[in-house]
Protein backbone atom coordinates (compact mmCIF):
# COMPACT_ATOMS: atom_id res chain seq x y z
CA MET A 1 21.79 4.38 1.65
CA SER A 2 21.15 4.49 -2.00
CA GLU A 3 17.48 5.23 -3.58
CA TYR A 4 15.58 2.44 -4.80
CA GLN A 5 11.90 3.19 -6.65
CA PHE A 6 10.06 -0.20 -7.93
CA PHE A 7 6.79 0.26 -10.47
CA ASP A 8 4.97 -3.19 -11.16
CA PHE A 9 2.16 -2.87 -13.43
CA GLN A 10 0.12 -6.33 -14.41
CA THR A 11 -2.93 -6.81 -16.60
CA ILE A 12 -5.88 -9.02 -15.16
CA ASP A 13 -9.00 -8.83 -17.71
CA ARG A 14 -6.55 -8.99 -20.94
CA PRO A 15 -3.09 -8.99 -22.03
CA LEU A 16 -1.24 -6.18 -23.80
CA THR A 17 -1.79 -6.05 -27.29
CA GLU A 18 1.77 -5.74 -29.47
CA GLU A 19 1.39 -2.07 -29.99
CA GLU A 20 0.75 -1.10 -26.43
CA GLN A 21 3.98 -2.95 -25.88
CA ALA A 22 5.40 -1.07 -28.11
CA GLU A 23 4.11 2.05 -26.62
CA ILE A 24 5.15 1.02 -23.04
CA HIS A 25 8.66 0.28 -24.14
CA LYS A 26 9.34 3.67 -24.76
CA LEU A 27 8.48 4.87 -21.21
CA SER A 28 11.96 3.37 -20.24
CA SER A 29 14.67 1.19 -21.95
CA ARG A 30 14.85 -0.32 -18.74
CA VAL A 31 11.35 -2.09 -18.43
CA ALA A 32 11.25 -5.75 -18.01
CA LEU A 33 8.10 -6.50 -20.02
CA THR A 34 5.53 -9.48 -20.79
CA PRO A 35 1.92 -9.23 -22.04
CA THR A 36 0.64 -8.95 -18.54
CA GLN A 37 3.38 -7.10 -16.95
CA ALA A 38 5.71 -4.05 -17.02
CA VAL A 39 8.08 -3.95 -14.21
CA PHE A 40 10.55 -0.41 -13.57
CA THR A 41 12.63 -0.33 -11.27
CA TYR A 42 15.33 2.29 -10.33
CA GLN A 43 18.50 2.90 -8.31
CA PHE A 44 18.48 6.49 -9.85
CA GLY A 45 16.53 8.86 -12.36
CA ASP A 46 12.65 8.32 -12.24
CA PHE A 47 9.73 7.22 -14.36
CA HIS A 48 9.09 8.90 -17.32
CA GLY A 49 4.97 9.34 -17.04
CA ARG A 50 2.11 9.58 -14.77
CA PRO A 51 1.67 6.27 -13.48
CA GLU A 52 -2.46 7.25 -12.85
CA LYS A 53 -2.15 7.48 -16.63
CA VAL A 54 -0.50 4.61 -17.39
CA LEU A 55 -2.46 2.26 -15.34
CA GLU A 56 -5.90 4.24 -17.28
CA GLN A 57 -4.92 3.48 -20.41
CA TYR A 58 -3.30 -0.15 -20.21
CA PHE A 59 -3.04 -1.85 -16.68
CA ASP A 60 -5.50 -3.59 -14.26
CA ALA A 61 -3.46 -2.96 -11.35
CA MET A 62 0.13 -1.05 -9.97
CA LEU A 63 2.00 -1.66 -6.95
CA TYR A 64 4.72 1.31 -6.19
CA LEU A 65 7.44 1.59 -3.70
CA ALA A 66 10.14 3.58 -2.54
CA ASN A 67 12.78 3.14 0.04
CA TRP A 68 11.77 6.67 1.49
CA GLY A 69 8.57 5.80 2.99
CA SER A 70 6.20 5.93 -0.37
CA ARG A 71 3.63 2.94 -1.26
CA ARG A 72 1.07 2.98 -3.42
CA LEU A 73 -1.37 0.73 -4.60
CA MET A 74 -3.81 1.32 -7.65
CA PHE A 75 -6.44 -0.99 -8.86
CA ARG A 76 -8.26 0.03 -12.27
CA PHE A 77 -12.22 -1.16 -12.56
CA PRO A 78 -14.69 -1.76 -15.41
CA LYS A 79 -17.12 1.59 -14.25
CA SER A 80 -20.36 -0.48 -14.54
CA PHE A 81 -18.95 -2.73 -11.80
CA ILE A 82 -18.32 -0.12 -8.77
CA ASP A 83 -21.28 1.45 -6.95
CA LEU A 84 -19.01 4.81 -5.37
CA SER A 85 -21.88 5.33 -2.84
CA GLN A 86 -20.55 2.20 -1.38
CA VAL A 87 -16.76 2.55 -1.45
CA GLN A 88 -17.24 6.83 -1.06
CA PRO A 89 -17.12 6.01 3.03
CA TYR A 90 -13.56 4.64 2.71
CA GLU A 91 -12.01 7.53 1.40
CA VAL A 92 -9.47 9.76 3.08
CA GLU A 93 -8.24 12.53 1.47
CA ASP A 94 -4.98 12.53 -0.57
CA VAL A 95 -4.55 8.67 0.53
CA ILE A 96 -7.72 6.71 -0.35
CA ASP A 97 -9.45 7.85 -3.47
CA PHE A 98 -11.73 6.48 -5.81
CA ARG A 99 -11.51 8.53 -9.02
CA GLU A 100 -13.61 8.29 -12.34
CA GLY A 101 -12.44 8.51 -15.73
CA ASP A 102 -14.43 7.98 -18.94
CA ASN A 103 -14.57 3.79 -18.53
CA TYR A 104 -13.47 2.75 -15.71
CA ILE A 105 -12.68 4.08 -12.13
CA ILE A 106 -9.36 3.93 -10.42
CA LEU A 107 -8.70 3.13 -6.56
CA ASP A 108 -5.27 4.74 -5.73
CA ILE A 109 -4.23 3.96 -1.92
CA ASN A 110 -1.27 6.22 -1.69
CA PHE A 111 0.61 6.41 1.69
CA LEU A 112 3.95 8.46 2.44
CA GLU A 113 5.75 8.37 5.79
CA GLU A 114 7.91 11.09 5.80
CA GLY A 115 10.89 10.76 7.78
CA VAL A 116 10.37 6.43 7.21
CA VAL A 117 13.27 5.00 5.40
CA PHE A 118 12.63 1.70 4.65
CA TRP A 119 13.49 -1.22 2.40
CA VAL A 120 11.56 -3.72 0.92
CA GLU A 121 11.88 -5.32 -2.14
CA GLY A 122 8.74 -5.06 -4.84
CA GLU A 123 9.20 -8.19 -6.63
CA GLY A 124 6.52 -10.22 -6.74
CA ARG A 125 4.79 -7.93 -4.00
CA LEU A 126 1.47 -7.11 -6.53
CA SER A 127 1.06 -10.81 -7.39
CA SER A 128 0.17 -11.37 -3.88
CA LEU A 129 -2.16 -8.59 -3.95
CA ILE A 130 -3.99 -9.15 -7.41
CA ARG A 131 -6.92 -10.95 -5.14
CA LEU A 132 -7.97 -7.82 -3.31
CA ARG A 133 -8.87 -6.38 -6.48
CA ASP A 134 -11.05 -8.99 -7.36
CA ASP A 135 -12.55 -9.10 -3.45
CA ILE A 136 -13.83 -5.71 -4.08
CA LEU A 137 -15.40 -5.95 -7.60
CA ARG A 138 -17.41 -8.98 -4.90
CA GLN A 139 -17.89 -6.23 -2.75
CA ASP A 140 -15.59 -7.31 0.08
CA TYR A 141 -14.45 -3.77 1.53
CA ARG A 142 -11.94 -5.22 3.82
CA VAL A 143 -8.93 -3.74 2.00
CA LEU A 144 -10.38 -0.36 1.93
CA TYR A 145 -11.18 -0.36 5.64
CA LEU A 146 -7.79 -1.68 6.56
CA ALA A 147 -6.48 1.12 4.70
CA TRP A 148 -8.65 3.70 6.61
CA LEU A 149 -7.08 1.70 9.54
CA LYS A 150 -3.47 3.03 8.32
CA ALA A 151 -4.40 6.27 7.72
CA ILE A 152 -5.78 6.53 11.30
CA SER A 153 -2.96 5.57 12.66
CA MET A 154 -0.71 8.39 10.74
CA ASN A 155 -3.45 10.85 12.37
CA LEU A 156 -4.38 12.00 8.94
CA LEU A 157 -8.28 12.32 10.10
CA ASN A 158 -10.14 14.29 13.21
CA GLU A 159 -10.69 11.93 16.10
CA SER A 160 -14.26 12.95 16.54
CA GLU A 161 -14.90 11.15 12.67
CA ARG A 162 -16.60 8.18 12.97
CA GLU A 163 -15.57 5.15 11.10
CA PRO A 164 -17.00 3.69 7.97
CA PRO A 165 -18.73 0.26 7.32
CA THR A 166 -17.04 -2.47 9.28
CA PRO A 167 -17.11 -5.34 6.90
CA PRO A 168 -17.47 -8.66 8.13
CA GLY A 169 -14.03 -11.36 8.19
CA LEU A 170 -11.88 -9.03 9.78
CA ARG A 171 -11.07 -11.66 12.30
CA SER A 172 -9.72 -13.97 9.89
CA LEU A 173 -7.97 -12.65 6.91
CA ALA A 174 -6.93 -14.33 3.67
CA SER A 175 -3.12 -14.18 2.34
CA ALA A 176 -3.87 -11.24 -0.13
CA LEU A 177 -5.48 -9.53 2.79
CA ARG A 178 -2.50 -10.06 5.09
CA ASN A 179 -0.12 -9.54 2.73
CA PHE A 180 -1.67 -5.95 2.76
CA VAL A 181 -1.27 -5.56 6.42
CA ASP A 182 2.06 -6.85 6.12
CA LEU A 183 3.50 -4.35 3.49
CA PHE A 184 1.51 -1.28 4.85
CA GLU A 185 2.47 -1.95 8.34
CA ILE A 186 -0.69 -2.05 9.50
CA ASP A 187 -1.13 -1.38 13.23
CA LYS A 188 -1.84 -4.63 14.63
CA HIS A 189 -3.48 -3.98 17.68
CA LEU A 190 -5.53 -1.07 15.87
CA LEU A 191 -6.57 -3.91 13.83
CA ALA A 192 -7.59 -6.77 16.93
CA VAL A 193 -9.84 -4.44 18.22
CA ALA A 194 -11.29 -2.83 14.77
CA ALA A 195 -12.03 -6.42 14.21
CA LYS A 196 -14.17 -6.92 17.13
CA MET A 197 -17.46 -5.19 15.39
CA SER A 198 -16.80 -7.73 12.97
CA GLY A 199 -19.16 -10.39 12.46
CA GLU A 200 -18.75 -13.68 9.83
CA PRO A 201 -19.06 -13.34 6.33
CA SER A 202 -22.07 -14.77 4.80
CA GLN A 203 -21.61 -18.18 3.16
CA VAL A 204 -23.75 -18.34 0.37
CA SER A 205 -25.01 -22.30 0.27
CA GLU A 206 -25.51 -24.36 -2.94
CA PHE A 207 -29.35 -24.41 -2.05
CA ASP A 208 -29.32 -20.42 -2.27
CA LEU A 209 -27.54 -20.24 -5.48
CA ARG A 210 -30.19 -22.86 -7.02
CA GLN A 211 -33.24 -21.30 -5.27
CA ALA A 212 -31.99 -17.53 -6.93
CA ILE A 213 -31.07 -19.50 -10.22
CA SER A 214 -34.75 -20.89 -10.55
CA HIS A 215 -36.20 -17.28 -10.41
CA LEU A 216 -34.29 -16.58 -13.52
CA SER A 217 -35.81 -16.61 -16.86
CA ARG A 218 -35.33 -19.19 -19.71
CA GLU A 219 -33.82 -15.95 -21.97
CA GLU A 220 -31.84 -14.76 -19.40
CA CYS A 221 -30.22 -18.01 -18.36
CA GLU A 222 -29.66 -18.45 -21.96
CA ASP A 223 -27.59 -14.95 -22.33
CA TYR A 224 -25.30 -16.18 -19.40
CA LEU A 225 -24.26 -19.18 -21.21
CA LEU A 226 -23.63 -17.21 -24.37
CA ARG A 227 -21.61 -14.73 -22.84
CA LEU A 228 -19.86 -16.68 -20.96
CA ALA A 229 -19.49 -19.11 -24.24
CA GLN A 230 -17.79 -15.61 -25.47
CA GLY A 231 -15.22 -15.17 -22.44
CA GLU A 232 -16.92 -12.08 -20.92
CA PRO A 233 -14.80 -10.73 -18.27
CA HIS A 234 -16.35 -10.84 -14.62
CA LEU A 235 -19.87 -12.73 -15.96
CA SER A 236 -19.74 -14.26 -12.65
CA LEU A 237 -19.14 -11.23 -10.70
CA LEU A 238 -22.51 -9.90 -13.13
CA LEU A 239 -24.28 -13.10 -12.16
CA HIS A 240 -23.88 -12.69 -8.31
CA ALA A 241 -25.12 -9.01 -8.63
CA ARG A 242 -27.92 -10.66 -10.53
CA LEU A 243 -28.86 -13.30 -8.20
CA ARG A 244 -28.40 -10.63 -4.89
CA GLN A 245 -31.30 -9.38 -6.21
CA GLY A 246 -33.35 -12.34 -5.42
CA THR A 247 -32.38 -14.22 -2.41
CA ILE A 248 -28.98 -14.16 -2.21
CA SER A 249 -27.94 -11.01 0.40
CA PRO A 250 -24.91 -9.38 -0.12
CA HIS A 251 -22.26 -8.60 3.26
CA SER A 252 -23.53 -6.89 5.99
CA PRO A 253 -21.41 -5.00 7.05
CA SER A 254 -21.70 -3.78 10.81
CA THR A 255 -23.91 -0.46 11.93
CA VAL A 256 -21.60 0.20 15.18
CA ARG A 257 -19.60 3.28 14.10
CA ARG A 258 -16.88 4.43 16.28
CA THR A 259 -14.88 7.58 16.46
CA VAL A 260 -11.36 7.58 15.33
CA LYS A 261 -10.39 8.69 19.33
CA GLU A 262 -12.33 5.13 20.49
CA LEU A 263 -10.16 3.14 18.23
CA LEU A 264 -7.04 4.92 18.93
CA ALA A 265 -7.67 4.65 22.98
CA ASP A 266 -9.15 0.83 22.45
CA ALA A 267 -5.91 -0.06 20.43
CA GLU A 268 -3.20 2.23 23.35
CA ARG A 269 -5.08 -0.27 25.88
CA ALA A 270 -4.46 -3.26 24.24
CA ARG A 271 -1.13 -1.97 23.61
CA GLU A 272 -0.37 -1.57 26.99
CA GLU A 273 -2.13 -4.81 27.99
CA GLU A 274 0.25 -6.89 25.94
CA LYS A 275 3.07 -4.98 27.19
CA ARG A 276 2.34 -5.71 30.96
CA ARG A 277 1.43 -9.57 29.98
CA ARG A 278 5.18 -9.98 28.52
CA GLU A 279 6.72 -8.49 31.14
CA GLN A 280 4.39 -10.66 33.35
CA GLN A 281 5.74 -13.46 31.48
CA ALA A 282 9.60 -12.17 31.38
CA GLU A 283 9.66 -11.69 35.23
CA GLN A 284 7.92 -15.34 35.97
CA LYS A 285 10.64 -16.77 33.25
CA ARG A 286 13.49 -14.61 35.44
CA ILE A 287 12.04 -16.19 38.99
CA GLN A 288 12.20 -19.93 37.46
CA GLU A 289 15.96 -19.45 36.42
CA LEU A 290 16.55 -17.94 39.71
CA GLU A 291 15.33 -20.78 41.41
CA ALA A 292 16.94 -23.03 39.19
CA LEU A 293 20.19 -21.71 39.76
CA ALA A 294 19.37 -21.91 43.92
CA GLN A 295 19.22 -25.24 43.11
CA ARG A 296 23.09 -25.36 41.89
CA GLU A 297 24.46 -22.56 43.44
CA ASP A 298 27.69 -23.71 44.88
CA LYS A 299 28.31 -25.39 41.05
CA ALA A 300 27.37 -21.74 39.88
CA TRP A 301 29.97 -20.13 42.05
CA GLN A 302 32.64 -22.83 40.56
CA GLU A 303 31.86 -21.76 37.05
CA VAL A 304 32.19 -17.96 37.89
CA GLU A 305 35.59 -19.22 39.27
CA GLN A 306 36.47 -20.96 35.71
CA LEU A 307 35.25 -17.99 33.40
CA ILE A 308 37.42 -15.54 35.43
CA GLN A 309 40.23 -18.32 35.16
CA LYS A 310 39.67 -17.56 30.88
CA PRO A 311 40.80 -13.82 31.10
CA SER A 312 38.52 -12.39 27.68
CA ALA A 313 35.82 -9.58 27.62
CA LYS A 314 33.44 -12.41 26.77
CA THR A 315 34.10 -14.73 29.46
CA TYR A 316 34.28 -11.39 32.22
CA ASP A 317 30.85 -10.66 30.78
CA GLN A 318 29.25 -14.23 31.46
CA ALA A 319 31.03 -14.48 34.77
CA VAL A 320 29.23 -10.66 35.64
CA GLN A 321 26.15 -11.95 34.55
CA LEU A 322 26.27 -15.26 36.91
CA LEU A 323 27.17 -13.29 39.18
CA SER A 324 24.44 -10.50 39.26
CA GLN A 325 22.29 -13.57 39.43
CA LEU A 326 24.05 -14.93 42.38
CA ARG A 327 23.37 -11.78 43.83
CA GLU A 328 19.50 -11.87 43.44
CA VAL A 329 19.48 -15.35 44.36
CA ALA A 330 21.20 -14.36 47.79
CA SER A 331 18.52 -11.23 48.43
CA ARG A 332 15.52 -13.64 48.07
CA GLN A 333 17.52 -16.48 50.50
CA LYS A 334 18.14 -13.64 52.59
CA GLN A 335 21.92 -14.45 52.85
CA ASP A 336 23.42 -11.03 51.34
CA ASP A 337 26.33 -11.06 54.14
CA ILE A 338 27.53 -14.66 52.35
CA PHE A 339 27.45 -12.76 49.40
CA LYS A 340 29.14 -9.93 49.46
CA GLN A 341 32.21 -12.01 51.70
CA ARG A 342 32.19 -14.14 48.07
CA LEU A 343 32.52 -11.32 46.35
CA ASN A 344 34.80 -9.49 48.37
CA GLY A 345 36.93 -12.54 47.84
CA ILE A 346 37.02 -12.19 43.90
CA TYR A 347 37.74 -8.54 44.63
CA GLU A 348 41.03 -9.68 46.59
CA HIS A 349 41.88 -12.40 45.04
CA TYR A 350 41.82 -10.70 41.56
CA LYS A 351 42.84 -7.26 42.26
CA THR A 352 44.98 -6.92 39.35
CA ARG A 353 42.42 -7.99 36.99
CA HIS A 354 42.17 -4.02 36.45
CA SER A 355 39.30 -4.87 33.60
CA LEU A 356 37.22 -7.72 35.34
CA LEU A 357 36.87 -4.85 38.30
CA GLU A 358 35.65 -2.48 35.99
CA LYS A 359 33.15 -4.41 35.00
CA LEU A 360 31.86 -5.28 37.92
CA ARG A 361 31.67 -2.05 39.29
CA ALA A 362 29.66 -1.18 36.35
CA ALA A 363 27.14 -3.97 37.18
CA GLY A 364 26.63 -2.63 40.54
CA LEU A 365 28.98 -5.55 41.55
CA HIS A 366 30.91 -3.83 44.78
CA ASN A 367 33.46 -4.62 47.04
CA ASN A 368 33.12 -3.59 51.00
């Protein structure tokens, strides 16, 4: 398999200037560049530069994929919008990290699964995840919790450690979160058991908003309107944060803290339960098929003869499969002797069909 590396950088808050685009062009002649995006794809060679530095200087989001098991998602946030005390509980050394810069805070979700080889096209992936940055700015930390679940599924934390705050809304994920789950291959059983402690997101009514706004002074309202007219980025987030100081409550995570060991054990039980359920469904389906076959048993024996009459590996396989099912029908009806007689007849009549006889014996359909 050939090498594949994919870097996608995107701006959200502002487009790149012409000077910035010129600087990015210097990184690689292969770059596909627009005022809001830079994409680098490598079948061989490597990216010239440090992705985190390129992100911090020019962009707001980055996705990196490599087919040797590396997946990395990074977001840049204005420093004043992130409360580190709220997000640090989700950090995991080397894989989920918040770093402070001069003016920004960088979130780095970086997983490398050694020995895992996968191929997933990166085109369009970051665009499907961009909404997650806005979620974090709105203090919706579900993507951070999902990344934490990925970390414990890779045994990167001690079993005695307790989970970070379980955010509400894990039982109904929006498309960006589902895309994150798919791309980073979050264990569905682990997610299901984790979501049991996740409540429903709080809904802010128009009445609540009006009540909170009524507590703002005229000067403050005029200030927000002026900043809106000037196109200030993230003004709605700042306004919501201001309103939360009044009557609007932020998202309330669950206060229950399960250990890593408890979560993994619950996920394993859920996995085993699903396995048993599938086995029961398969067995029920098999019994129904045998009951239906019993209703047309004579015709099924005729089908066996017709298949054998067309000597080929495919028809022999079909005949052997049908005979195996007829043996089960006979066993359920306590007519094993009748089945053996008919099977012996096939052995006698087709004793020169060595390929057929080998397939019968390989399936455990021996003559007496």
